[in-house]
Amino acid sequence: MADALERGKTRPKADATITMRIPEQTRELIDRAAAALGKSRTEFVLESARQHAVDVMLDQRVFHLDEQASAAFMDALAAPIKSDEALKALFARKSPWE
């Protein structure tokens, strides 16, 4: 940790806390995994949770299609927009809060 700070790396300010109760077996597993990477429990849990959060958010935005589905998707995007009178009427109405 001190080595990282000496090399000019600084940690972002920790201005929030997370407290949780977990089974002792789980804590021991986390501690062993953290030690295997030379990290503290906090570093290990924070990095793991952050990476999983990023993965979850990416899963909400990125999707993969096979070649056929990709071609159908691109065709749908390239197709001219069909006029939808019901949608036009909806957007022409005043919002309930206005």
PDB file of N, CA and C in Angstrom:
ATOM      1  N   MET A   1       0.811  -1.181   0.000  1.00  0.00           N
ATOM      2  CA  MET A   1       0.000   0.000   0.000  1.00  0.00           C
ATOM      3  C   MET A   1       0.865   1.260   0.000  1.00  0.00           C
ATOM      4  N   ALA A   2       1.832   1.304   0.886  1.00  0.00           N
ATOM      5  CA  ALA A   2       2.719   2.463   0.931  1.00  0.00           C
ATOM      6  C   ALA A   2       3.491   2.591  -0.372  1.00  0.00           C
ATOM      7  N   ASP A   3       3.837   1.448  -0.977  1.00  0.00           N
ATOM      8  CA  ASP A   3       4.553   1.484  -2.261  1.00  0.00           C
ATOM      9  C   ASP A   3       3.731   2.200  -3.322  1.00  0.00           C
ATOM     10  N   ALA A   4       2.435   1.928  -3.370  1.00  0.00           N
ATOM     11  CA  ALA A   4       1.571   2.568  -4.367  1.00  0.00           C
ATOM     12  C   ALA A   4       1.522   4.066  -4.139  1.00  0.00           C
ATOM     13  N   LEU A   5       1.439   4.476  -2.891  1.00  0.00           N
ATOM     14  CA  LEU A   5       1.387   5.905  -2.584  1.00  0.00           C
ATOM     15  C   LEU A   5       2.717   6.572  -2.933  1.00  0.00           C
ATOM     16  N   GLU A   6       3.823   5.867  -2.695  1.00  0.00           N
ATOM     17  CA  GLU A   6       5.135   6.426  -3.010  1.00  0.00           C
ATOM     18  C   GLU A   6       5.328   6.590  -4.511  1.00  0.00           C
ATOM     19  N   ARG A   7       4.683   5.759  -5.323  1.00  0.00           N
ATOM     20  CA  ARG A   7       4.811   5.858  -6.768  1.00  0.00           C
ATOM     21  C   ARG A   7       3.892   6.929  -7.336  1.00  0.00           C
ATOM     22  N   GLY A   8       3.249   7.699  -6.481  1.00  0.00           N
ATOM     23  CA  GLY A   8       2.420   8.792  -6.962  1.00  0.00           C
ATOM     24  C   GLY A   8       0.954   8.437  -7.119  1.00  0.00           C
ATOM     25  N   LYS A   9       0.583   7.215  -6.810  1.00  0.00           N
ATOM     26  CA  LYS A   9      -0.822   6.830  -6.907  1.00  0.00           C
ATOM     27  C   LYS A   9      -1.524   7.200  -5.605  1.00  0.00           C
ATOM     28  N   THR A  10      -2.670   7.780  -5.747  1.00  0.00           N
ATOM     29  CA  THR A  10      -3.444   8.113  -4.549  1.00  0.00           C
ATOM     30  C   THR A  10      -4.791   7.424  -4.631  1.00  0.00           C
ATOM     31  N   ARG A  11      -5.333   7.135  -3.479  1.00  0.00           N
ATOM     32  CA  ARG A  11      -6.653   6.513  -3.421  1.00  0.00           C
ATOM     33  C   ARG A  11      -7.716   7.597  -3.425  1.00  0.00           C
ATOM     34  N   PRO A  12      -8.848   7.328  -4.075  1.00  0.00           N
ATOM     35  CA  PRO A  12      -9.942   8.298  -3.985  1.00  0.00           C
ATOM     36  C   PRO A  12     -10.418   8.391  -2.538  1.00  0.00           C
ATOM     37  N   LYS A  13     -10.944   9.540  -2.192  1.00  0.00           N
ATOM     38  CA  LYS A  13     -11.432   9.754  -0.829  1.00  0.00           C
ATOM     39  C   LYS A  13     -12.571   8.791  -0.535  1.00  0.00           C
ATOM     40  N   ALA A  14     -12.466   8.094   0.572  1.00  0.00           N
ATOM     41  CA  ALA A  14     -13.531   7.189   1.001  1.00  0.00           C
ATOM     42  C   ALA A  14     -14.507   7.995   1.840  1.00  0.00           C
ATOM     43  N   ASP A  15     -15.668   8.284   1.271  1.00  0.00           N
ATOM     44  CA  ASP A  15     -16.628   9.121   1.991  1.00  0.00           C
ATOM     45  C   ASP A  15     -17.951   8.416   2.254  1.00  0.00           C
ATOM     46  N   ALA A  16     -17.966   7.092   2.094  1.00  0.00           N
ATOM     47  CA  ALA A  16     -19.166   6.320   2.385  1.00  0.00           C
ATOM     48  C   ALA A  16     -18.740   4.978   2.969  1.00  0.00           C
ATOM     49  N   THR A  17     -19.656   4.343   3.674  1.00  0.00           N
ATOM     50  CA  THR A  17     -19.348   3.043   4.259  1.00  0.00           C
ATOM     51  C   THR A  17     -20.409   2.025   3.860  1.00  0.00           C
ATOM     52  N   ILE A  18     -19.994   0.780   3.856  1.00  0.00           N
ATOM     53  CA  ILE A  18     -20.908  -0.344   3.675  1.00  0.00           C
ATOM     54  C   ILE A  18     -20.610  -1.308   4.813  1.00  0.00           C
ATOM     55  N   THR A  19     -21.628  -1.663   5.544  1.00  0.00           N
ATOM     56  CA  THR A  19     -21.477  -2.620   6.629  1.00  0.00           C
ATOM     57  C   THR A  19     -22.376  -3.799   6.326  1.00  0.00           C
ATOM     58  N   MET A  20     -21.846  -4.993   6.477  1.00  0.00           N
ATOM     59  CA  MET A  20     -22.679  -6.164   6.224  1.00  0.00           C
ATOM     60  C   MET A  20     -22.281  -7.301   7.137  1.00  0.00           C
ATOM     61  N   ARG A  21     -23.248  -8.150   7.406  1.00  0.00           N
ATOM     62  CA  ARG A  21     -23.006  -9.346   8.199  1.00  0.00           C
ATOM     63  C   ARG A  21     -22.990 -10.517   7.227  1.00  0.00           C
ATOM     64  N   ILE A  22     -21.941 -11.326   7.322  1.00  0.00           N
ATOM     65  CA  ILE A  22     -21.810 -12.465   6.419  1.00  0.00           C
ATOM     66  C   ILE A  22     -21.421 -13.700   7.229  1.00  0.00           C
ATOM     67  N   PRO A  23     -21.680 -14.870   6.683  1.00  0.00           N
ATOM     68  CA  PRO A  23     -21.247 -16.082   7.385  1.00  0.00           C
ATOM     69  C   PRO A  23     -19.725 -16.108   7.534  1.00  0.00           C
ATOM     70  N   GLU A  24     -19.274 -16.650   8.649  1.00  0.00           N
ATOM     71  CA  GLU A  24     -17.835 -16.699   8.920  1.00  0.00           C
ATOM     72  C   GLU A  24     -17.088 -17.441   7.805  1.00  0.00           C
ATOM     73  N   GLN A  25     -17.698 -18.513   7.278  1.00  0.00           N
ATOM     74  CA  GLN A  25     -17.059 -19.268   6.192  1.00  0.00           C
ATOM     75  C   GLN A  25     -16.823 -18.386   4.973  1.00  0.00           C
ATOM     76  N   THR A  26     -17.776 -17.534   4.682  1.00  0.00           N
ATOM     77  CA  THR A  26     -17.648 -16.638   3.535  1.00  0.00           C
ATOM     78  C   THR A  26     -16.535 -15.635   3.772  1.00  0.00           C
ATOM     79  N   ARG A  27     -16.470 -15.092   4.985  1.00  0.00           N
ATOM     80  CA  ARG A  27     -15.400 -14.141   5.307  1.00  0.00           C
ATOM     81  C   ARG A  27     -14.037 -14.793   5.195  1.00  0.00           C
ATOM     82  N   GLU A  28     -13.928 -16.026   5.662  1.00  0.00           N
ATOM     83  CA  GLU A  28     -12.655 -16.743   5.583  1.00  0.00           C
ATOM     84  C   GLU A  28     -12.261 -16.996   4.126  1.00  0.00           C
ATOM     85  N   LEU A  29     -13.231 -17.344   3.296  1.00  0.00           N
ATOM     86  CA  LEU A  29     -12.959 -17.548   1.876  1.00  0.00           C
ATOM     87  C   LEU A  29     -12.466 -16.255   1.234  1.00  0.00           C
ATOM     88  N   ILE A  30     -13.145 -15.154   1.539  1.00  0.00           N
ATOM     89  CA  ILE A  30     -12.740 -13.841   1.009  1.00  0.00           C
ATOM     90  C   ILE A  30     -11.336 -13.490   1.489  1.00  0.00           C
ATOM     91  N   ASP A  31     -11.060 -13.736   2.764  1.00  0.00           N
ATOM     92  CA  ASP A  31      -9.731 -13.435   3.305  1.00  0.00           C
ATOM     93  C   ASP A  31      -8.642 -14.249   2.611  1.00  0.00           C
ATOM     94  N   ARG A  32      -8.917 -15.540   2.354  1.00  0.00           N
ATOM     95  CA  ARG A  32      -7.917 -16.383   1.663  1.00  0.00           C
ATOM     96  C   ARG A  32      -7.689 -15.888   0.241  1.00  0.00           C
ATOM     97  N   ALA A  33      -8.766 -15.551  -0.449  1.00  0.00           N
ATOM     98  CA  ALA A  33      -8.633 -15.060  -1.825  1.00  0.00           C
ATOM     99  C   ALA A  33      -7.886 -13.724  -1.853  1.00  0.00           C
ATOM    100  N   ALA A  34      -8.220 -12.843  -0.915  1.00  0.00           N
ATOM    101  CA  ALA A  34      -7.540 -11.544  -0.850  1.00  0.00           C
ATOM    102  C   ALA A  34      -6.045 -11.740  -0.579  1.00  0.00           C
ATOM    103  N   ALA A  35      -5.731 -12.630   0.350  1.00  0.00           N
ATOM    104  CA  ALA A  35      -4.322 -12.888   0.683  1.00  0.00           C
ATOM    105  C   ALA A  35      -3.579 -13.461  -0.527  1.00  0.00           C
ATOM    106  N   ALA A  36      -4.261 -14.303  -1.298  1.00  0.00           N
ATOM    107  CA  ALA A  36      -3.621 -14.893  -2.480  1.00  0.00           C
ATOM    108  C   ALA A  36      -3.234 -13.826  -3.491  1.00  0.00           C
ATOM    109  N   LEU A  37      -3.970 -12.713  -3.475  1.00  0.00           N
ATOM    110  CA  LEU A  37      -3.666 -11.599  -4.389  1.00  0.00           C
ATOM    111  C   LEU A  37      -2.855 -10.499  -3.724  1.00  0.00           C
ATOM    112  N   GLY A  38      -2.526 -10.686  -2.450  1.00  0.00           N
ATOM    113  CA  GLY A  38      -1.761  -9.671  -1.730  1.00  0.00           C
ATOM    114  C   GLY A  38      -2.579  -8.428  -1.444  1.00  0.00           C
ATOM    115  N   LYS A  39      -3.866  -8.596  -1.244  1.00  0.00           N
ATOM    116  CA  LYS A  39      -4.756  -7.460  -0.994  1.00  0.00           C
ATOM    117  C   LYS A  39      -5.404  -7.598   0.377  1.00  0.00           C
ATOM    118  N   SER A  40      -5.895  -6.490   0.880  1.00  0.00           N
ATOM    119  CA  SER A  40      -6.669  -6.536   2.117  1.00  0.00           C
ATOM    120  C   SER A  40      -8.081  -7.007   1.789  1.00  0.00           C
ATOM    121  N   ARG A  41      -8.813  -7.402   2.799  1.00  0.00           N
ATOM    122  CA  ARG A  41     -10.206  -7.796   2.598  1.00  0.00           C
ATOM    123  C   ARG A  41     -10.995  -6.664   1.959  1.00  0.00           C
ATOM    124  N   THR A  42     -10.808  -5.463   2.457  1.00  0.00           N
ATOM    125  CA  THR A  42     -11.539  -4.309   1.927  1.00  0.00           C
ATOM    126  C   THR A  42     -11.215  -4.086   0.458  1.00  0.00           C
ATOM    127  N   GLU A  43      -9.926  -4.109   0.118  1.00  0.00           N
ATOM    128  CA  GLU A  43      -9.532  -3.921  -1.281  1.00  0.00           C
ATOM    129  C   GLU A  43     -10.151  -4.993  -2.171  1.00  0.00           C
ATOM    130  N   PHE A  44     -10.082  -6.237  -1.716  1.00  0.00           N
ATOM    131  CA  PHE A  44     -10.601  -7.347  -2.503  1.00  0.00           C
ATOM    132  C   PHE A  44     -12.115  -7.223  -2.709  1.00  0.00           C
ATOM    133  N   VAL A  45     -12.843  -6.975  -1.643  1.00  0.00           N
ATOM    134  CA  VAL A  45     -14.300  -6.878  -1.742  1.00  0.00           C
ATOM    135  C   VAL A  45     -14.693  -5.678  -2.591  1.00  0.00           C
ATOM    136  N   LEU A  46     -14.052  -4.552  -2.389  1.00  0.00           N
ATOM    137  CA  LEU A  46     -14.384  -3.355  -3.156  1.00  0.00           C
ATOM    138  C   LEU A  46     -14.108  -3.564  -4.646  1.00  0.00           C
ATOM    139  N   GLU A  47     -12.946  -4.093  -4.984  1.00  0.00           N
ATOM    140  CA  GLU A  47     -12.620  -4.321  -6.390  1.00  0.00           C
ATOM    141  C   GLU A  47     -13.576  -5.337  -7.019  1.00  0.00           C
ATOM    142  N   SER A  48     -13.890  -6.396  -6.278  1.00  0.00           N
ATOM    143  CA  SER A  48     -14.799  -7.421  -6.798  1.00  0.00           C
ATOM    144  C   SER A  48     -16.203  -6.853  -7.010  1.00  0.00           C
ATOM    145  N   ALA A  49     -16.698  -6.117  -6.041  1.00  0.00           N
ATOM    146  CA  ALA A  49     -18.042  -5.533  -6.148  1.00  0.00           C
ATOM    147  C   ALA A  49     -18.094  -4.498  -7.267  1.00  0.00           C
ATOM    148  N   ARG A  50     -17.062  -3.674  -7.372  1.00  0.00           N
ATOM    149  CA  ARG A  50     -17.025  -2.661  -8.423  1.00  0.00           C
ATOM    150  C   ARG A  50     -17.034  -3.312  -9.807  1.00  0.00           C
ATOM    151  N   GLN A  51     -16.206  -4.353  -9.990  1.00  0.00           N
ATOM    152  CA  GLN A  51     -16.148  -5.028 -11.287  1.00  0.00           C
ATOM    153  C   GLN A  51     -17.483  -5.694 -11.619  1.00  0.00           C
ATOM    154  N   HIS A  52     -18.101  -6.305 -10.632  1.00  0.00           N
ATOM    155  CA  HIS A  52     -19.399  -6.936 -10.887  1.00  0.00           C
ATOM    156  C   HIS A  52     -20.448  -5.885 -11.225  1.00  0.00           C
ATOM    157  N   ALA A  53     -20.402  -4.745 -10.568  1.00  0.00           N
ATOM    158  CA  ALA A  53     -21.343  -3.654 -10.872  1.00  0.00           C
ATOM    159  C   ALA A  53     -21.161  -3.172 -12.311  1.00  0.00           C
ATOM    160  N   VAL A  54     -19.924  -3.030 -12.738  1.00  0.00           N
ATOM    161  CA  VAL A  54     -19.651  -2.621 -14.125  1.00  0.00           C
ATOM    162  C   VAL A  54     -20.197  -3.665 -15.089  1.00  0.00           C
ATOM    163  N   ASP A  55     -19.965  -4.942 -14.797  1.00  0.00           N
ATOM    164  CA  ASP A  55     -20.456  -6.014 -15.663  1.00  0.00           C
ATOM    165  C   ASP A  55     -21.985  -5.986 -15.758  1.00  0.00           C
ATOM    166  N   VAL A  56     -22.643  -5.792 -14.634  1.00  0.00           N
ATOM    167  CA  VAL A  56     -24.109  -5.736 -14.627  1.00  0.00           C
ATOM    168  C   VAL A  56     -24.593  -4.574 -15.480  1.00  0.00           C
ATOM    169  N   MET A  57     -23.969  -3.406 -15.327  1.00  0.00           N
ATOM    170  CA  MET A  57     -24.391  -2.245 -16.104  1.00  0.00           C
ATOM    171  C   MET A  57     -24.119  -2.454 -17.592  1.00  0.00           C
ATOM    172  N   LEU A  58     -23.002  -3.058 -17.941  1.00  0.00           N
ATOM    173  CA  LEU A  58     -22.717  -3.335 -19.347  1.00  0.00           C
ATOM    174  C   LEU A  58     -23.721  -4.329 -19.923  1.00  0.00           C
ATOM    175  N   ASP A  59     -24.123  -5.301 -19.116  1.00  0.00           N
ATOM    176  CA  ASP A  59     -25.126  -6.268 -19.578  1.00  0.00           C
ATOM    177  C   ASP A  59     -26.441  -5.586 -19.910  1.00  0.00           C
ATOM    178  N   GLN A  60     -26.685  -4.436 -19.316  1.00  0.00           N
ATOM    179  CA  GLN A  60     -27.911  -3.705 -19.592  1.00  0.00           C
ATOM    180  C   GLN A  60     -27.805  -2.920 -20.896  1.00  0.00           C
ATOM    181  N   ARG A  61     -26.604  -2.751 -21.412  1.00  0.00           N
ATOM    182  CA  ARG A  61     -26.393  -1.894 -22.584  1.00  0.00           C
ATOM    183  C   ARG A  61     -25.826  -2.618 -23.790  1.00  0.00           C
ATOM    184  N   VAL A  62     -25.166  -3.721 -23.569  1.00  0.00           N
ATOM    185  CA  VAL A  62     -24.495  -4.420 -24.656  1.00  0.00           C
ATOM    186  C   VAL A  62     -25.178  -5.769 -24.871  1.00  0.00           C
ATOM    187  N   PHE A  63     -25.459  -6.081 -26.094  1.00  0.00           N
ATOM    188  CA  PHE A  63     -26.018  -7.391 -26.390  1.00  0.00           C
ATOM    189  C   PHE A  63     -25.349  -7.935 -27.633  1.00  0.00           C
ATOM    190  N   HIS A  64     -25.346  -9.227 -27.764  1.00  0.00           N
ATOM    191  CA  HIS A  64     -24.685  -9.895 -28.878  1.00  0.00           C
ATOM    192  C   HIS A  64     -25.714 -10.648 -29.694  1.00  0.00           C
ATOM    193  N   LEU A  65     -25.600 -10.554 -30.995  1.00  0.00           N
ATOM    194  CA  LEU A  65     -26.518 -11.228 -31.896  1.00  0.00           C
ATOM    195  C   LEU A  65     -25.723 -12.111 -32.843  1.00  0.00           C
ATOM    196  N   ASP A  66     -26.337 -13.228 -33.240  1.00  0.00           N
ATOM    197  CA  ASP A  66     -25.693 -14.033 -34.272  1.00  0.00           C
ATOM    198  C   ASP A  66     -25.842 -13.291 -35.605  1.00  0.00           C
ATOM    199  N   GLU A  67     -25.244 -13.811 -36.643  1.00  0.00           N
ATOM    200  CA  GLU A  67     -25.208 -13.105 -37.928  1.00  0.00           C
ATOM    201  C   GLU A  67     -26.610 -12.832 -38.479  1.00  0.00           C
ATOM    202  N   GLN A  68     -27.487 -13.808 -38.389  1.00  0.00           N
ATOM    203  CA  GLN A  68     -28.839 -13.646 -38.927  1.00  0.00           C
ATOM    204  C   GLN A  68     -29.632 -12.607 -38.128  1.00  0.00           C
ATOM    205  N   ALA A  69     -29.571 -12.702 -36.814  1.00  0.00           N
ATOM    206  CA  ALA A  69     -30.280 -11.740 -35.970  1.00  0.00           C
ATOM    207  C   ALA A  69     -29.697 -10.344 -36.146  1.00  0.00           C
ATOM    208  N   SER A  70     -28.386 -10.244 -36.311  1.00  0.00           N
ATOM    209  CA  SER A  70     -27.743  -8.949 -36.518  1.00  0.00           C
ATOM    210  C   SER A  70     -28.216  -8.313 -37.821  1.00  0.00           C
ATOM    211  N   ALA A  71     -28.321  -9.116 -38.878  1.00  0.00           N
ATOM    212  CA  ALA A  71     -28.795  -8.592 -40.163  1.00  0.00           C
ATOM    213  C   ALA A  71     -30.242  -8.116 -40.053  1.00  0.00           C
ATOM    214  N   ALA A  72     -31.082  -8.876 -39.350  1.00  0.00           N
ATOM    215  CA  ALA A  72     -32.484  -8.479 -39.171  1.00  0.00           C
ATOM    216  C   ALA A  72     -32.570  -7.192 -38.361  1.00  0.00           C
ATOM    217  N   PHE A  73     -31.727  -7.064 -37.348  1.00  0.00           N
ATOM    218  CA  PHE A  73     -31.717  -5.862 -36.517  1.00  0.00           C
ATOM    219  C   PHE A  73     -31.292  -4.652 -37.351  1.00  0.00           C
ATOM    220  N   MET A  74     -30.255  -4.804 -38.145  1.00  0.00           N
ATOM    221  CA  MET A  74     -29.779  -3.699 -38.983  1.00  0.00           C
ATOM    222  C   MET A  74     -30.832  -3.309 -40.021  1.00  0.00           C
ATOM    223  N   ASP A  75     -31.530  -4.295 -40.578  1.00  0.00           N
ATOM    224  CA  ASP A  75     -32.616  -4.006 -41.527  1.00  0.00           C
ATOM    225  C   ASP A  75     -33.718  -3.198 -40.848  1.00  0.00           C
ATOM    226  N   ALA A  76     -34.060  -3.588 -39.636  1.00  0.00           N
ATOM    227  CA  ALA A  76     -35.106  -2.869 -38.903  1.00  0.00           C
ATOM    228  C   ALA A  76     -34.677  -1.432 -38.628  1.00  0.00           C
ATOM    229  N   LEU A  77     -33.419  -1.227 -38.297  1.00  0.00           N
ATOM    230  CA  LEU A  77     -32.925   0.133 -38.050  1.00  0.00           C
ATOM    231  C   LEU A  77     -32.924   0.970 -39.325  1.00  0.00           C
ATOM    232  N   ALA A  78     -32.620   0.344 -40.442  1.00  0.00           N
ATOM    233  CA  ALA A  78     -32.516   1.066 -41.710  1.00  0.00           C
ATOM    234  C   ALA A  78     -33.884   1.307 -42.359  1.00  0.00           C
ATOM    235  N   ALA A  79     -34.895   0.580 -41.923  1.00  0.00           N
ATOM    236  CA  ALA A  79     -36.222   0.711 -42.536  1.00  0.00           C
ATOM    237  C   ALA A  79     -36.810   2.088 -42.231  1.00  0.00           C
ATOM    238  N   PRO A  80     -37.574   2.637 -43.178  1.00  0.00           N
ATOM    239  CA  PRO A  80     -38.207   3.934 -42.917  1.00  0.00           C
ATOM    240  C   PRO A  80     -39.193   3.823 -41.753  1.00  0.00           C
ATOM    241  N   ILE A  81     -39.320   4.917 -41.050  1.00  0.00           N
ATOM    242  CA  ILE A  81     -40.229   4.956 -39.904  1.00  0.00           C
ATOM    243  C   ILE A  81     -41.662   4.984 -40.407  1.00  0.00           C
ATOM    244  N   LYS A  82     -42.485   4.116 -39.829  1.00  0.00           N
ATOM    245  CA  LYS A  82     -43.900   4.083 -40.197  1.00  0.00           C
ATOM    246  C   LYS A  82     -44.626   5.129 -39.373  1.00  0.00           C
ATOM    247  N   SER A  83     -45.547   5.817 -40.004  1.00  0.00           N
ATOM    248  CA  SER A  83     -46.348   6.813 -39.298  1.00  0.00           C
ATOM    249  C   SER A  83     -47.279   6.100 -38.334  1.00  0.00           C
ATOM    250  N   ASP A  84     -47.345   6.590 -37.140  1.00  0.00           N
ATOM    251  CA  ASP A  84     -48.207   5.992 -36.120  1.00  0.00           C
ATOM    252  C   ASP A  84     -49.104   7.099 -35.572  1.00  0.00           C
ATOM    253  N   GLU A  85     -50.331   7.111 -36.026  1.00  0.00           N
ATOM    254  CA  GLU A  85     -51.267   8.182 -35.648  1.00  0.00           C
ATOM    255  C   GLU A  85     -51.528   8.206 -34.146  1.00  0.00           C
ATOM    256  N   ALA A  86     -51.621   7.047 -33.519  1.00  0.00           N
ATOM    257  CA  ALA A  86     -51.870   6.999 -32.077  1.00  0.00           C
ATOM    258  C   ALA A  86     -50.702   7.634 -31.318  1.00  0.00           C
ATOM    259  N   LEU A  87     -49.488   7.371 -31.772  1.00  0.00           N
ATOM    260  CA  LEU A  87     -48.314   7.949 -31.119  1.00  0.00           C
ATOM    261  C   LEU A  87     -48.278   9.462 -31.333  1.00  0.00           C
ATOM    262  N   LYS A  88     -48.605   9.908 -32.539  1.00  0.00           N
ATOM    263  CA  LYS A  88     -48.665  11.349 -32.807  1.00  0.00           C
ATOM    264  C   LYS A  88     -49.683  12.022 -31.893  1.00  0.00           C
ATOM    265  N   ALA A  89     -50.835  11.404 -31.727  1.00  0.00           N
ATOM    266  CA  ALA A  89     -51.884  11.969 -30.871  1.00  0.00           C
ATOM    267  C   ALA A  89     -51.413  12.019 -29.415  1.00  0.00           C
ATOM    268  N   LEU A  90     -50.736  10.985 -28.981  1.00  0.00           N
ATOM    269  CA  LEU A  90     -50.225  10.950 -27.608  1.00  0.00           C
ATOM    270  C   LEU A  90     -49.254  12.106 -27.355  1.00  0.00           C
ATOM    271  N   PHE A  91     -48.337  12.332 -28.284  1.00  0.00           N
ATOM    272  CA  PHE A  91     -47.355  13.408 -28.110  1.00  0.00           C
ATOM    273  C   PHE A  91     -47.980  14.791 -28.270  1.00  0.00           C
ATOM    274  N   ALA A  92     -49.113  14.874 -28.940  1.00  0.00           N
ATOM    275  CA  ALA A  92     -49.774  16.160 -29.134  1.00  0.00           C
ATOM    276  C   ALA A  92     -50.573  16.585 -27.898  1.00  0.00           C
ATOM    277  N   ARG A  93     -50.912  15.628 -27.037  1.00  0.00           N
ATOM    278  CA  ARG A  93     -51.684  15.942 -25.831  1.00  0.00           C
ATOM    279  C   ARG A  93     -50.800  16.612 -24.781  1.00  0.00           C
ATOM    280  N   LYS A  94     -51.437  17.410 -23.943  1.00  0.00           N
ATOM    281  CA  LYS A  94     -50.739  18.009 -22.813  1.00  0.00           C
ATOM    282  C   LYS A  94     -50.439  16.930 -21.769  1.00  0.00           C
ATOM    283  N   SER A  95     -49.307  17.046 -21.123  1.00  0.00           N
ATOM    284  CA  SER A  95     -48.965  16.139 -20.044  1.00  0.00           C
ATOM    285  C   SER A  95     -49.905  16.391 -18.872  1.00  0.00           C
ATOM    286  N   PRO A  96     -50.210  15.365 -18.078  1.00  0.00           N
ATOM    287  CA  PRO A  96     -51.125  15.542 -16.941  1.00  0.00           C
ATOM    288  C   PRO A  96     -50.656  16.594 -15.941  1.00  0.00           C
ATOM    289  N   TRP A  97     -49.338  16.805 -15.827  1.00  0.00           N
ATOM    290  CA  TRP A  97     -48.828  17.759 -14.852  1.00  0.00           C
ATOM    291  C   TRP A  97     -48.761  19.179 -15.395  1.00  0.00           C
ATOM    292  N   GLU A  98     -49.081  19.349 -16.676  1.00  0.00           N
ATOM    293  CA  GLU A  98     -49.040  20.694 -17.265  1.00  0.00           C
ATOM    294  C   GLU A  98     -50.350  21.413 -17.066  1.00  0.00           C
TER     295      GLU A  98
END
